[in-house]
Structures are given as structure tokens and as C-alpha cells.
Amino acid sequence: MDTIGTILFGVLVAYVAIGLIAGLAFVVVGVGRVQSAPVTIGARILLLPGATGLWPMVVARWFSTRGSASGDVAVGNASIDYMSGN
């Protein structure tokens, strides 16, 4: 039973460590690519805990918008252009 607890704790620590690295990278660099509006320092601080905990979804969203330079955001099979309003 002690071995299972140690393994689960190790998995939790690894998840949080990866989440912290991905969350910091997203807050510093990626939020500007996902969100077309300017983001303040206070908003970035508030985004960090959520980006850390939900890092798999944050990284997936970040990479799905990586190729678009015009403000298009992929939503499922559709694409929404936030710059032109269409």
C-alpha cells in the first residue's frame, strides 16, 4: 500500500511540475497568441493557477492557434476570425 501511495504522489508531483512549466510559458508567451486583446500583468497572474492545473488543455489550445497569425481561432472544425467579426 505504501508503494502505491509513493507512485501516486510521484505522478502528482510530475503533473504539477509540468503544469508549472507549461503555465509559466503560456502566461509569459502564449496568452498573447491565444487572446487577441492585450493582457495585463494582473490578468497574467490570475491566469497562472488555472493554466498550471489545466495544462493539457492549455497546451492543446496554444498549439492549435500556433499557425494562425491573423487572429483566427480554431473551434472544432470551424474557424472564427475575431479580427473581422465573421
Foldseek 3Di string as FASTA:
>chain_A
DVVVVVVVVVVVVVLLVVLQVLLVCCLVPQVVQLDVDDDDPVNSVVSSVVSSNPVVVSVVQSVQSVPDDQQWGDDPPDIDRPVVRD
